[in-house]
Amino acid sequence: MLKTLLISKVNQLGDNVVYLPVVQSLVAAHPEWRIVVLTSPTAARLYEVCCPKVEVITYVTADFNGAWRHPARLWRFWRDIRTLKPDACLLGGDQGSVAHMLARCSGARMSVGPLSERVKLNALLNLRVPTDGQEHVAIYNWRIAQALIGRLKLPALPEKMPPPDLSAFGREEHGSVVMHAGASRAYKRWPLERGVELANRLSAQHAVTWFEQGEPGEEMLKPEVRRVKPGSLDELVRVLAGARHFIGNNSGPMNLASALGVPGTIFNGPSTPNWDPPWHTDGFDILRDPKLACQPCDLLSHPVNACQNTQRPMACMDRWSVDEVHRRIETRLAAA
């Protein structure tokens, strides 16, 4: 009988947004379990608000993934995990060797996760779930969770993965077009000056809310553009939930908009189709150019961390002019 389940999902906000349905569904189906989630400080609030019965332990992602280089740190992590005494470990599809090692050394009789040629310690898991490389990362994580339930011989999870329930964060009723120019890496961002120009143009006809990035170019925003500097994930989600339309890069806020059912315009950049908005897909205009041979340059398993196009750097972002994006957004707003 499973009493304690340890889940490893130590990475970025967007990665955890698409994983949240797994945790919420397991909590709903098995309220008698003790579920402990290992995640990053950036993503912890997701679970604290949306899964209050779950225990959350945070590790800085870089420290966690690089712990194999630091024996003292790795030993501290091992000690933390052993103290939990898990009966089973569940790994997200993108967890690395440290997560695999800790699952094996946790004392759990069962460990379930991805089948991965990239992770050297992948063979330490008891059950590894393959992917064809074409499915969305959220669907893959859902199938890994289904495999755990199947191995335990418990009633199956729903065939179709539900979107996460973010309603506990609340909602600000403002109805504006919301723009978020950030992303975890520079090569995933549409140029800030174009975003500012687009916001200024849209503000002539629509209410516009801009999430501040702390960049010098933002002082060029017109006074009509409402500027918000979110002090917490709670505020970010509340403002997004009340948006009429979202404009941003392929990033954590995009996944939040998708989960909330807010339609959007997305600068896809280097991201693979496996990272397209996973929910309410009909409401999104994904700006990608199939004529660019370099797009996408990111790998499904991990980002490449820099633009790979040496002849036309940032071609996938430079491709989209303010004029064209403005026209596409106005068309969508008029049809809504």
C-alpha atoms as a PDB file:
ATOM      1  CA  MET A   1       0.000   0.000   0.000  1.00  0.00           C
ATOM      2  CA  LEU A   2       1.354   3.395  -0.976  1.00  0.00           C
ATOM      3  CA  LYS A   3       1.470   5.913   1.875  1.00  0.00           C
ATOM      4  CA  THR A   4       4.045   8.496   0.734  1.00  0.00           C
ATOM      5  CA  LEU A   5       4.638   9.565  -2.873  1.00  0.00           C
ATOM      6  CA  LEU A   6       7.656  11.715  -3.707  1.00  0.00           C
ATOM      7  CA  ILE A   7       7.402  13.764  -6.919  1.00  0.00           C
ATOM      8  CA  SER A   8      10.460  15.388  -8.509  1.00  0.00           C
ATOM      9  CA  LYS A   9       9.825  18.493 -10.649  1.00  0.00           C
ATOM     10  CA  VAL A  10      12.701  20.869  -9.941  1.00  0.00           C
ATOM     11  CA  ASN A  11      12.700  23.407 -12.788  1.00  0.00           C
ATOM     12  CA  GLN A  12      11.088  26.530 -14.258  1.00  0.00           C
ATOM     13  CA  LEU A  13       7.602  27.976 -13.772  1.00  0.00           C
ATOM     14  CA  GLY A  14       6.270  26.912 -17.176  1.00  0.00           C
ATOM     15  CA  ASP A  15       7.494  23.330 -16.682  1.00  0.00           C
ATOM     16  CA  ASN A  16       5.508  23.156 -13.459  1.00  0.00           C
ATOM     17  CA  VAL A  17       2.376  24.801 -14.855  1.00  0.00           C
ATOM     18  CA  VAL A  18       2.076  21.971 -17.389  1.00  0.00           C
ATOM     19  CA  TYR A  19       2.792  19.428 -14.628  1.00  0.00           C
ATOM     20  CA  LEU A  20       0.244  20.774 -12.153  1.00  0.00           C
ATOM     21  CA  PRO A  21      -2.656  18.634 -13.511  1.00  0.00           C
ATOM     22  CA  VAL A  22      -0.682  15.505 -12.549  1.00  0.00           C
ATOM     23  CA  VAL A  23      -0.367  16.606  -8.928  1.00  0.00           C
ATOM     24  CA  GLN A  24      -3.919  17.927  -8.657  1.00  0.00           C
ATOM     25  CA  SER A  25      -5.370  14.734 -10.150  1.00  0.00           C
ATOM     26  CA  LEU A  26      -3.343  12.467  -7.859  1.00  0.00           C
ATOM     27  CA  VAL A  27      -4.402  14.495  -4.814  1.00  0.00           C
ATOM     28  CA  ALA A  28      -8.062  14.278  -5.859  1.00  0.00           C
ATOM     29  CA  ALA A  29      -7.923  10.551  -6.620  1.00  0.00           C
ATOM     30  CA  HIS A  30      -5.920   9.578  -3.523  1.00  0.00           C
ATOM     31  CA  PRO A  31      -6.530  11.986  -0.645  1.00  0.00           C
ATOM     32  CA  GLU A  32      -5.177   9.358   1.744  1.00  0.00           C
ATOM     33  CA  TRP A  33      -1.652   9.649   0.279  1.00  0.00           C
ATOM     34  CA  ARG A  34       1.054  11.877   1.648  1.00  0.00           C
ATOM     35  CA  ILE A  35       2.388  13.631  -1.465  1.00  0.00           C
ATOM     36  CA  VAL A  36       5.675  15.531  -1.340  1.00  0.00           C
ATOM     37  CA  VAL A  37       6.739  17.665  -4.318  1.00  0.00           C
ATOM     38  CA  LEU A  38      10.357  18.675  -4.918  1.00  0.00           C
ATOM     39  CA  THR A  39      10.365  21.839  -7.015  1.00  0.00           C
ATOM     40  CA  SER A  40      12.070  25.199  -7.488  1.00  0.00           C
ATOM     41  CA  PRO A  41      11.399  28.339  -5.417  1.00  0.00           C
ATOM     42  CA  THR A  42       9.990  29.929  -8.601  1.00  0.00           C
ATOM     43  CA  ALA A  43       7.300  27.272  -8.961  1.00  0.00           C
ATOM     44  CA  ALA A  44       6.601  26.437  -5.310  1.00  0.00           C
ATOM     45  CA  ARG A  45       3.718  28.892  -4.996  1.00  0.00           C
ATOM     46  CA  LEU A  46       1.784  26.981  -7.681  1.00  0.00           C
ATOM     47  CA  TYR A  47       1.557  23.962  -5.415  1.00  0.00           C
ATOM     48  CA  GLU A  48       1.112  25.932  -2.190  1.00  0.00           C
ATOM     49  CA  VAL A  49      -1.954  27.717  -3.574  1.00  0.00           C
ATOM     50  CA  CYS A  50      -3.461  25.076  -5.867  1.00  0.00           C
ATOM     51  CA  CYS A  51      -2.541  21.936  -3.885  1.00  0.00           C
ATOM     52  CA  PRO A  52      -2.574  23.017  -0.230  1.00  0.00           C
ATOM     53  CA  LYS A  53      -2.544  19.415   1.034  1.00  0.00           C
ATOM     54  CA  VAL A  54       0.765  18.717  -0.720  1.00  0.00           C
ATOM     55  CA  GLU A  55       4.098  19.141   1.077  1.00  0.00           C
ATOM     56  CA  VAL A  56       6.542  21.273  -0.920  1.00  0.00           C
ATOM     57  CA  ILE A  57      10.332  21.159  -0.646  1.00  0.00           C
ATOM     58  CA  THR A  58      12.298  23.647  -2.748  1.00  0.00           C
ATOM     59  CA  TYR A  59      15.749  23.466  -4.274  1.00  0.00           C
ATOM     60  CA  VAL A  60      17.362  26.004  -6.587  1.00  0.00           C
ATOM     61  CA  THR A  61      17.283  24.280  -9.983  1.00  0.00           C
ATOM     62  CA  ALA A  62      20.956  24.835 -10.839  1.00  0.00           C
ATOM     63  CA  ASP A  63      22.058  23.663  -7.375  1.00  0.00           C
ATOM     64  CA  PHE A  64      19.871  20.585  -7.604  1.00  0.00           C
ATOM     65  CA  ASN A  65      20.915  19.509 -11.095  1.00  0.00           C
ATOM     66  CA  GLY A  66      24.592  20.241 -10.411  1.00  0.00           C
ATOM     67  CA  ALA A  67      24.728  18.504  -7.032  1.00  0.00           C
ATOM     68  CA  TRP A  68      26.676  15.551  -8.469  1.00  0.00           C
ATOM     69  CA  ARG A  69      29.678  17.896  -8.634  1.00  0.00           C
ATOM     70  CA  HIS A  70      29.358  18.729  -4.929  1.00  0.00           C
ATOM     71  CA  PRO A  71      29.371  15.625  -2.691  1.00  0.00           C
ATOM     72  CA  ALA A  72      28.462  17.522   0.493  1.00  0.00           C
ATOM     73  CA  ARG A  73      25.421  19.098  -1.159  1.00  0.00           C
ATOM     74  CA  LEU A  74      24.377  15.799  -2.718  1.00  0.00           C
ATOM     75  CA  TRP A  75      24.650  14.113   0.686  1.00  0.00           C
ATOM     76  CA  ARG A  76      22.365  16.784   2.196  1.00  0.00           C
ATOM     77  CA  PHE A  77      19.806  16.174  -0.528  1.00  0.00           C
ATOM     78  CA  TRP A  78      20.028  12.401   0.028  1.00  0.00           C
ATOM     79  CA  ARG A  79      19.525  12.917   3.766  1.00  0.00           C
ATOM     80  CA  ASP A  80      16.433  15.077   3.102  1.00  0.00           C
ATOM     81  CA  ILE A  81      14.919  12.458   0.819  1.00  0.00           C
ATOM     82  CA  ARG A  82      15.653   9.483   3.080  1.00  0.00           C
ATOM     83  CA  THR A  83      13.937  11.289   5.960  1.00  0.00           C
ATOM     84  CA  LEU A  84      10.715  11.385   3.943  1.00  0.00           C
ATOM     85  CA  LYS A  85      10.627   7.556   3.657  1.00  0.00           C
ATOM     86  CA  PRO A  86       8.722   7.482   0.350  1.00  0.00           C
ATOM     87  CA  ASP A  87       7.050   4.321  -0.864  1.00  0.00           C
ATOM     88  CA  ALA A  88       7.228   5.469  -4.499  1.00  0.00           C
ATOM     89  CA  CYS A  89       8.962   8.178  -6.526  1.00  0.00           C
ATOM     90  CA  LEU A  90       7.503   9.853  -9.610  1.00  0.00           C
ATOM     91  CA  LEU A  91       9.793  11.856 -11.904  1.00  0.00           C
ATOM     92  CA  GLY A  92       8.730  14.425 -14.469  1.00  0.00           C
ATOM     93  CA  GLY A  93       9.795  13.729 -18.039  1.00  0.00           C
ATOM     94  CA  ASP A  94      12.623  16.281 -17.925  1.00  0.00           C
ATOM     95  CA  GLN A  95      14.338  15.419 -14.640  1.00  0.00           C
ATOM     96  CA  GLY A  96      18.081  14.731 -14.737  1.00  0.00           C
ATOM     97  CA  SER A  97      20.574  12.357 -13.167  1.00  0.00           C
ATOM     98  CA  VAL A  98      20.435  13.817  -9.650  1.00  0.00           C
ATOM     99  CA  ALA A  99      16.668  13.252  -9.470  1.00  0.00           C
ATOM    100  CA  HIS A 100      17.211   9.687 -10.714  1.00  0.00           C
ATOM    101  CA  MET A 101      19.924   9.013  -8.144  1.00  0.00           C
ATOM    102  CA  LEU A 102      17.871  10.383  -5.268  1.00  0.00           C
ATOM    103  CA  ALA A 103      14.851   8.317  -6.329  1.00  0.00           C
ATOM    104  CA  ARG A 104      16.964   5.165  -6.310  1.00  0.00           C
ATOM    105  CA  CYS A 105      18.570   5.994  -2.949  1.00  0.00           C
ATOM    106  CA  SER A 106      15.348   7.156  -1.299  1.00  0.00           C
ATOM    107  CA  GLY A 107      14.396   3.713  -0.056  1.00  0.00           C
ATOM    108  CA  ALA A 108      11.250   3.697  -2.205  1.00  0.00           C
ATOM    109  CA  ARG A 109      10.352   0.306  -3.622  1.00  0.00           C
ATOM    110  CA  MET A 110       9.107   1.880  -6.862  1.00  0.00           C
ATOM    111  CA  SER A 111      10.419   4.682  -9.060  1.00  0.00           C
ATOM    112  CA  VAL A 112       8.646   5.754 -12.261  1.00  0.00           C
ATOM    113  CA  GLY A 113       9.771   8.280 -14.836  1.00  0.00           C
ATOM    114  CA  PRO A 114      10.828   8.852 -18.445  1.00  0.00           C
ATOM    115  CA  LEU A 115      12.791   6.583 -20.722  1.00  0.00           C
ATOM    116  CA  SER A 116      15.682   8.876 -21.640  1.00  0.00           C
ATOM    117  CA  GLU A 117      18.891   8.261 -23.550  1.00  0.00           C
ATOM    118  CA  ARG A 118      20.173  11.663 -22.403  1.00  0.00           C
ATOM    119  CA  VAL A 119      20.116  10.889 -18.666  1.00  0.00           C
ATOM    120  CA  LYS A 120      23.053   8.655 -17.787  1.00  0.00           C
ATOM    121  CA  LEU A 121      21.401   7.250 -14.662  1.00  0.00           C
ATOM    122  CA  ASN A 122      18.052   6.579 -16.294  1.00  0.00           C
ATOM    123  CA  ALA A 123      18.402   2.828 -15.772  1.00  0.00           C
ATOM    124  CA  LEU A 124      18.075   3.355 -12.007  1.00  0.00           C
ATOM    125  CA  LEU A 125      14.295   3.708 -12.370  1.00  0.00           C
ATOM    126  CA  ASN A 126      12.068   0.649 -11.970  1.00  0.00           C
ATOM    127  CA  LEU A 127       9.671   1.730 -14.702  1.00  0.00           C
ATOM    128  CA  ARG A 128      10.620   3.981 -17.630  1.00  0.00           C
ATOM    129  CA  VAL A 129       7.962   5.319 -19.991  1.00  0.00           C
ATOM    130  CA  PRO A 130       9.015   5.950 -23.625  1.00  0.00           C
ATOM    131  CA  THR A 131       7.914   8.852 -25.805  1.00  0.00           C
ATOM    132  CA  ASP A 132       7.790   9.178 -29.578  1.00  0.00           C
ATOM    133  CA  GLY A 133       9.192  12.700 -29.351  1.00  0.00           C
ATOM    134  CA  GLN A 134       6.125  14.214 -31.025  1.00  0.00           C
ATOM    135  CA  GLU A 135       3.705  14.488 -28.098  1.00  0.00           C
ATOM    136  CA  HIS A 136       3.343  17.554 -25.927  1.00  0.00           C
ATOM    137  CA  VAL A 137       5.442  17.560 -22.753  1.00  0.00           C
ATOM    138  CA  ALA A 138       2.277  17.845 -20.657  1.00  0.00           C
ATOM    139  CA  ILE A 139       0.784  14.737 -22.292  1.00  0.00           C
ATOM    140  CA  TYR A 140       4.031  12.845 -21.724  1.00  0.00           C
ATOM    141  CA  ASN A 141       4.045  13.697 -18.022  1.00  0.00           C
ATOM    142  CA  TRP A 142       0.410  12.631 -17.823  1.00  0.00           C
ATOM    143  CA  ARG A 143       1.244   9.235 -19.346  1.00  0.00           C
ATOM    144  CA  ILE A 144       4.103   8.753 -16.864  1.00  0.00           C
ATOM    145  CA  ALA A 145       1.632   9.359 -14.015  1.00  0.00           C
ATOM    146  CA  GLN A 146      -0.804   6.920 -15.629  1.00  0.00           C
ATOM    147  CA  ALA A 147       1.993   4.335 -15.710  1.00  0.00           C
ATOM    148  CA  LEU A 148       2.541   4.759 -11.967  1.00  0.00           C
ATOM    149  CA  ILE A 149      -1.164   4.221 -11.279  1.00  0.00           C
ATOM    150  CA  GLY A 150      -1.162   1.205 -13.581  1.00  0.00           C
ATOM    151  CA  ARG A 151       1.826  -0.353 -11.809  1.00  0.00           C
ATOM    152  CA  LEU A 152       0.039   0.125  -8.473  1.00  0.00           C
ATOM    153  CA  LYS A 153      -3.067  -1.553  -9.983  1.00  0.00           C
ATOM    154  CA  LEU A 154      -5.302   1.320  -8.973  1.00  0.00           C
ATOM    155  CA  PRO A 155      -8.257   2.813 -10.902  1.00  0.00           C
ATOM    156  CA  ALA A 156      -6.887   4.629 -13.943  1.00  0.00           C
ATOM    157  CA  LEU A 157      -6.588   8.371 -14.245  1.00  0.00           C
ATOM    158  CA  PRO A 158      -8.813   9.973 -16.922  1.00  0.00           C
ATOM    159  CA  GLU A 159      -7.672   9.275 -20.469  1.00  0.00           C
ATOM    160  CA  LYS A 160      -7.571  12.977 -21.274  1.00  0.00           C
ATOM    161  CA  MET A 161      -5.395  15.285 -19.218  1.00  0.00           C
ATOM    162  CA  PRO A 162      -7.387  18.162 -17.691  1.00  0.00           C
ATOM    163  CA  PRO A 163      -6.070  21.731 -17.526  1.00  0.00           C
ATOM    164  CA  PRO A 164      -4.836  22.812 -14.100  1.00  0.00           C
ATOM    165  CA  ASP A 165      -7.236  24.568 -11.776  1.00  0.00           C
ATOM    166  CA  LEU A 166      -5.752  27.988 -10.946  1.00  0.00           C
ATOM    167  CA  SER A 167      -8.950  29.477  -9.515  1.00  0.00           C
ATOM    168  CA  ALA A 168      -7.506  29.607  -5.976  1.00  0.00           C
ATOM    169  CA  PHE A 169      -5.310  32.524  -7.079  1.00  0.00           C
ATOM    170  CA  GLY A 170      -8.340  34.679  -7.805  1.00  0.00           C
ATOM    171  CA  ARG A 171      -8.996  37.020 -10.717  1.00  0.00           C
ATOM    172  CA  GLU A 172      -8.727  40.745 -11.427  1.00  0.00           C
ATOM    173  CA  GLU A 173     -11.565  41.865 -13.670  1.00  0.00           C
ATOM    174  CA  HIS A 174      -9.875  44.399 -15.966  1.00  0.00           C
ATOM    175  CA  GLY A 175     -10.466  43.021 -19.492  1.00  0.00           C
ATOM    176  CA  SER A 176      -7.323  44.520 -21.017  1.00  0.00           C
ATOM    177  CA  VAL A 177      -4.784  43.202 -23.507  1.00  0.00           C
ATOM    178  CA  VAL A 178      -1.896  41.916 -21.371  1.00  0.00           C
ATOM    179  CA  MET A 179       1.708  41.914 -22.616  1.00  0.00           C
ATOM    180  CA  HIS A 180       4.605  40.036 -21.011  1.00  0.00           C
ATOM    181  CA  ALA A 181       7.923  40.546 -22.810  1.00  0.00           C
ATOM    182  CA  GLY A 182       9.988  38.201 -20.636  1.00  0.00           C
ATOM    183  CA  ALA A 183      11.306  34.658 -21.018  1.00  0.00           C
ATOM    184  CA  SER A 184      13.886  32.579 -19.177  1.00  0.00           C
ATOM    185  CA  ARG A 185      16.582  33.195 -21.835  1.00  0.00           C
ATOM    186  CA  ALA A 186      17.361  36.175 -24.056  1.00  0.00           C
ATOM    187  CA  TYR A 187      17.098  34.279 -27.356  1.00  0.00           C
ATOM    188  CA  LYS A 188      13.502  33.361 -26.539  1.00  0.00           C
ATOM    189  CA  ARG A 189      12.356  37.015 -26.440  1.00  0.00           C
ATOM    190  CA  TRP A 190      10.886  39.228 -29.155  1.00  0.00           C
ATOM    191  CA  PRO A 191      12.858  42.528 -29.140  1.00  0.00           C
ATOM    192  CA  LEU A 192      11.701  44.731 -26.274  1.00  0.00           C
ATOM    193  CA  GLU A 193      11.566  47.886 -28.387  1.00  0.00           C
ATOM    194  CA  ARG A 194       9.104  46.202 -30.746  1.00  0.00           C
ATOM    195  CA  GLY A 195       6.975  45.107 -27.826  1.00  0.00           C
ATOM    196  CA  VAL A 196       6.881  48.665 -26.498  1.00  0.00           C
ATOM    197  CA  GLU A 197       5.885  50.029 -29.917  1.00  0.00           C
ATOM    198  CA  LEU A 198       3.168  47.384 -30.228  1.00  0.00           C
ATOM    199  CA  ALA A 199       1.796  48.246 -26.766  1.00  0.00           C
ATOM    200  CA  ASN A 200       1.695  51.933 -27.658  1.00  0.00           C
ATOM    201  CA  ARG A 201      -0.181  51.254 -30.899  1.00  0.00           C
ATOM    202  CA  LEU A 202      -2.701  48.963 -29.228  1.00  0.00           C
ATOM    203  CA  SER A 203      -3.326  51.481 -26.443  1.00  0.00           C
ATOM    204  CA  ALA A 204      -4.914  53.859 -28.967  1.00  0.00           C
ATOM    205  CA  GLN A 205      -7.902  51.493 -29.293  1.00  0.00           C
ATOM    206  CA  HIS A 206      -7.716  49.097 -26.323  1.00  0.00           C
ATOM    207  CA  ALA A 207      -6.865  48.981 -22.640  1.00  0.00           C
ATOM    208  CA  VAL A 208      -3.341  47.557 -22.383  1.00  0.00           C
ATOM    209  CA  THR A 209      -1.521  46.152 -19.350  1.00  0.00           C
ATOM    210  CA  TRP A 210       2.271  45.716 -19.498  1.00  0.00           C
ATOM    211  CA  PHE A 211       4.210  43.501 -17.079  1.00  0.00           C
ATOM    212  CA  GLU A 212       7.396  45.412 -16.353  1.00  0.00           C
ATOM    213  CA  GLN A 213      10.730  43.681 -17.006  1.00  0.00           C
ATOM    214  CA  GLY A 214      12.967  46.320 -15.439  1.00  0.00           C
ATOM    215  CA  GLU A 215      14.458  47.227 -18.830  1.00  0.00           C
ATOM    216  CA  PRO A 216      15.512  50.788 -19.852  1.00  0.00           C
ATOM    217  CA  GLY A 217      13.371  50.766 -23.016  1.00  0.00           C
ATOM    218  CA  GLU A 218      10.166  50.580 -21.005  1.00  0.00           C
ATOM    219  CA  GLU A 219      10.245  54.311 -20.273  1.00  0.00           C
ATOM    220  CA  MET A 220       9.042  54.762 -23.877  1.00  0.00           C
ATOM    221  CA  LEU A 221       5.652  53.274 -23.007  1.00  0.00           C
ATOM    222  CA  LYS A 222       2.824  55.782 -23.327  1.00  0.00           C
ATOM    223  CA  PRO A 223       0.989  56.895 -20.176  1.00  0.00           C
ATOM    224  CA  GLU A 224      -2.116  55.101 -21.476  1.00  0.00           C
ATOM    225  CA  VAL A 225      -0.382  51.750 -20.994  1.00  0.00           C
ATOM    226  CA  ARG A 226      -0.949  50.427 -17.498  1.00  0.00           C
ATOM    227  CA  ARG A 227       2.356  49.168 -16.091  1.00  0.00           C
ATOM    228  CA  VAL A 228       2.391  46.363 -13.520  1.00  0.00           C
ATOM    229  CA  LYS A 229       5.433  45.053 -11.718  1.00  0.00           C
ATOM    230  CA  PRO A 230       4.187  41.817 -10.178  1.00  0.00           C
ATOM    231  CA  GLY A 231       5.589  41.243  -6.740  1.00  0.00           C
ATOM    232  CA  SER A 232       4.440  37.633  -6.639  1.00  0.00           C
ATOM    233  CA  LEU A 233       3.154  34.758  -8.712  1.00  0.00           C
ATOM    234  CA  ASP A 234      -0.243  35.399  -7.128  1.00  0.00           C
ATOM    235  CA  GLU A 235      -0.465  38.841  -8.722  1.00  0.00           C
ATOM    236  CA  LEU A 236       0.767  37.568 -12.082  1.00  0.00           C
ATOM    237  CA  VAL A 237      -1.940  34.896 -12.223  1.00  0.00           C
ATOM    238  CA  ARG A 238      -4.704  37.238 -11.017  1.00  0.00           C
ATOM    239  CA  VAL A 239      -3.935  39.813 -13.696  1.00  0.00           C
ATOM    240  CA  LEU A 240      -3.591  37.184 -16.436  1.00  0.00           C
ATOM    241  CA  ALA A 241      -6.886  35.573 -15.437  1.00  0.00           C
ATOM    242  CA  GLY A 242      -8.777  38.775 -16.211  1.00  0.00           C
ATOM    243  CA  ALA A 243      -7.103  39.448 -19.560  1.00  0.00           C
ATOM    244  CA  ARG A 244      -8.948  39.821 -22.834  1.00  0.00           C
ATOM    245  CA  HIS A 245      -5.889  38.726 -24.823  1.00  0.00           C
ATOM    246  CA  PHE A 246      -2.308  37.743 -23.928  1.00  0.00           C
ATOM    247  CA  ILE A 247       0.798  38.684 -25.933  1.00  0.00           C
ATOM    248  CA  GLY A 248       4.126  37.130 -25.050  1.00  0.00           C
ATOM    249  CA  ASN A 249       6.921  34.707 -25.739  1.00  0.00           C
ATOM    250  CA  ASN A 250       6.861  30.928 -25.356  1.00  0.00           C
ATOM    251  CA  SER A 251       7.342  31.026 -21.587  1.00  0.00           C
ATOM    252  CA  GLY A 252       5.772  30.412 -18.190  1.00  0.00           C
ATOM    253  CA  PRO A 253       3.195  33.221 -18.545  1.00  0.00           C
ATOM    254  CA  MET A 254       2.116  31.693 -21.875  1.00  0.00           C
ATOM    255  CA  ASN A 255       1.395  28.394 -20.130  1.00  0.00           C
ATOM    256  CA  LEU A 256      -0.526  30.226 -17.424  1.00  0.00           C
ATOM    257  CA  ALA A 257      -2.632  31.975 -20.079  1.00  0.00           C
ATOM    258  CA  SER A 258      -3.287  28.630 -21.743  1.00  0.00           C
ATOM    259  CA  ALA A 259      -4.372  27.088 -18.447  1.00  0.00           C
ATOM    260  CA  LEU A 260      -6.630  30.068 -17.705  1.00  0.00           C
ATOM    261  CA  GLY A 261      -8.305  29.946 -21.110  1.00  0.00           C
ATOM    262  CA  VAL A 262      -7.034  33.390 -22.119  1.00  0.00           C
ATOM    263  CA  PRO A 263      -6.452  33.591 -25.914  1.00  0.00           C
ATOM    264  CA  GLY A 264      -3.095  34.854 -27.048  1.00  0.00           C
ATOM    265  CA  THR A 265      -0.468  35.733 -29.618  1.00  0.00           C
ATOM    266  CA  ILE A 266       2.814  33.898 -28.996  1.00  0.00           C
ATOM    267  CA  PHE A 267       6.298  34.493 -30.377  1.00  0.00           C
ATOM    268  CA  ASN A 268       7.392  30.892 -30.656  1.00  0.00           C
ATOM    269  CA  GLY A 269      11.082  31.546 -31.354  1.00  0.00           C
ATOM    270  CA  PRO A 270      13.318  28.496 -30.783  1.00  0.00           C
ATOM    271  CA  SER A 271      10.721  26.351 -28.998  1.00  0.00           C
ATOM    272  CA  THR A 272       9.606  22.983 -30.378  1.00  0.00           C
ATOM    273  CA  PRO A 273       5.896  22.275 -31.040  1.00  0.00           C
ATOM    274  CA  ASN A 274       6.006  20.057 -27.933  1.00  0.00           C
ATOM    275  CA  TRP A 275       5.888  23.345 -25.984  1.00  0.00           C
ATOM    276  CA  ASP A 276       2.908  24.929 -27.755  1.00  0.00           C
ATOM    277  CA  PRO A 277       0.082  26.066 -25.443  1.00  0.00           C
ATOM    278  CA  PRO A 278      -1.362  22.767 -24.158  1.00  0.00           C
ATOM    279  CA  TRP A 279      -4.939  23.927 -23.447  1.00  0.00           C
ATOM    280  CA  HIS A 280      -7.531  26.008 -25.314  1.00  0.00           C
ATOM    281  CA  THR A 281      -5.281  25.801 -28.374  1.00  0.00           C
ATOM    282  CA  ASP A 282      -7.817  27.284 -30.805  1.00  0.00           C
ATOM    283  CA  GLY A 283      -7.461  30.640 -29.092  1.00  0.00           C
ATOM    284  CA  PHE A 284      -3.747  31.032 -29.838  1.00  0.00           C
ATOM    285  CA  ASP A 285      -1.891  32.486 -32.794  1.00  0.00           C
ATOM    286  CA  ILE A 286       1.548  30.831 -32.690  1.00  0.00           C
ATOM    287  CA  LEU A 287       4.036  32.974 -34.595  1.00  0.00           C
ATOM    288  CA  ARG A 288       6.459  30.535 -36.181  1.00  0.00           C
ATOM    289  CA  ASP A 289       7.836  30.538 -39.710  1.00  0.00           C
ATOM    290  CA  PRO A 290       8.245  27.023 -41.201  1.00  0.00           C
ATOM    291  CA  LYS A 291      10.406  28.546 -43.955  1.00  0.00           C
ATOM    292  CA  LEU A 292      13.195  29.155 -41.436  1.00  0.00           C
ATOM    293  CA  ALA A 293      15.379  26.069 -41.548  1.00  0.00           C
ATOM    294  CA  CYS A 294      16.794  26.834 -38.106  1.00  0.00           C
ATOM    295  CA  GLN A 295      13.414  26.877 -36.357  1.00  0.00           C
ATOM    296  CA  PRO A 296      13.082  25.295 -33.893  1.00  0.00           C
ATOM    297  CA  CYS A 297      16.653  25.127 -32.622  1.00  0.00           C
ATOM    298  CA  ASP A 298      15.833  24.057 -29.062  1.00  0.00           C
ATOM    299  CA  LEU A 299      15.792  20.334 -28.369  1.00  0.00           C
ATOM    300  CA  LEU A 300      12.846  18.567 -26.763  1.00  0.00           C
ATOM    301  CA  SER A 301      15.067  17.416 -23.895  1.00  0.00           C
ATOM    302  CA  HIS A 302      16.718  20.772 -23.154  1.00  0.00           C
ATOM    303  CA  PRO A 303      17.254  24.320 -24.472  1.00  0.00           C
ATOM    304  CA  VAL A 304      20.384  25.094 -26.505  1.00  0.00           C
ATOM    305  CA  ASN A 305      20.829  28.365 -24.529  1.00  0.00           C
ATOM    306  CA  ALA A 306      21.816  30.566 -27.492  1.00  0.00           C
ATOM    307  CA  CYS A 307      20.684  31.324 -31.031  1.00  0.00           C
ATOM    308  CA  GLN A 308      22.130  28.742 -33.430  1.00  0.00           C
ATOM    309  CA  ASN A 309      21.721  30.811 -36.605  1.00  0.00           C
ATOM    310  CA  THR A 310      25.155  32.357 -37.203  1.00  0.00           C
ATOM    311  CA  GLN A 311      24.209  33.913 -40.574  1.00  0.00           C
ATOM    312  CA  ARG A 312      20.982  35.562 -39.387  1.00  0.00           C
ATOM    313  CA  PRO A 313      21.054  35.731 -35.588  1.00  0.00           C
ATOM    314  CA  MET A 314      17.613  35.796 -33.976  1.00  0.00           C
ATOM    315  CA  ALA A 315      15.938  35.318 -37.373  1.00  0.00           C
ATOM    316  CA  CYS A 316      12.922  33.598 -35.775  1.00  0.00           C
ATOM    317  CA  MET A 317      12.164  36.711 -33.708  1.00  0.00           C
ATOM    318  CA  ASP A 318      13.326  39.335 -36.208  1.00  0.00           C
ATOM    319  CA  ARG A 319      10.912  37.793 -38.730  1.00  0.00           C
ATOM    320  CA  TRP A 320       7.912  39.407 -36.984  1.00  0.00           C
ATOM    321  CA  SER A 321       7.462  43.129 -37.606  1.00  0.00           C
ATOM    322  CA  VAL A 322       5.325  45.353 -35.420  1.00  0.00           C
ATOM    323  CA  ASP A 323       3.072  46.075 -38.399  1.00  0.00           C
ATOM    324  CA  GLU A 324       2.317  42.420 -39.057  1.00  0.00           C
ATOM    325  CA  VAL A 325       1.806  41.471 -35.416  1.00  0.00           C
ATOM    326  CA  HIS A 326      -0.430  44.487 -34.833  1.00  0.00           C
ATOM    327  CA  ARG A 327      -2.568  43.565 -37.831  1.00  0.00           C
ATOM    328  CA  ARG A 328      -2.938  39.944 -36.685  1.00  0.00           C
ATOM    329  CA  ILE A 329      -3.905  40.952 -33.153  1.00  0.00           C
ATOM    330  CA  GLU A 330      -6.459  43.528 -34.289  1.00  0.00           C
ATOM    331  CA  THR A 331      -8.053  40.894 -36.532  1.00  0.00           C
ATOM    332  CA  ARG A 332      -8.369  38.504 -33.602  1.00  0.00           C
ATOM    333  CA  LEU A 333      -9.701  41.145 -31.232  1.00  0.00           C
ATOM    334  CA  ALA A 334     -12.319  42.197 -33.757  1.00  0.00           C
ATOM    335  CA  ALA A 335     -13.459  38.602 -34.209  1.00  0.00           C
ATOM    336  CA  ALA A 336     -13.647  37.837 -30.488  1.00  0.00           C
END
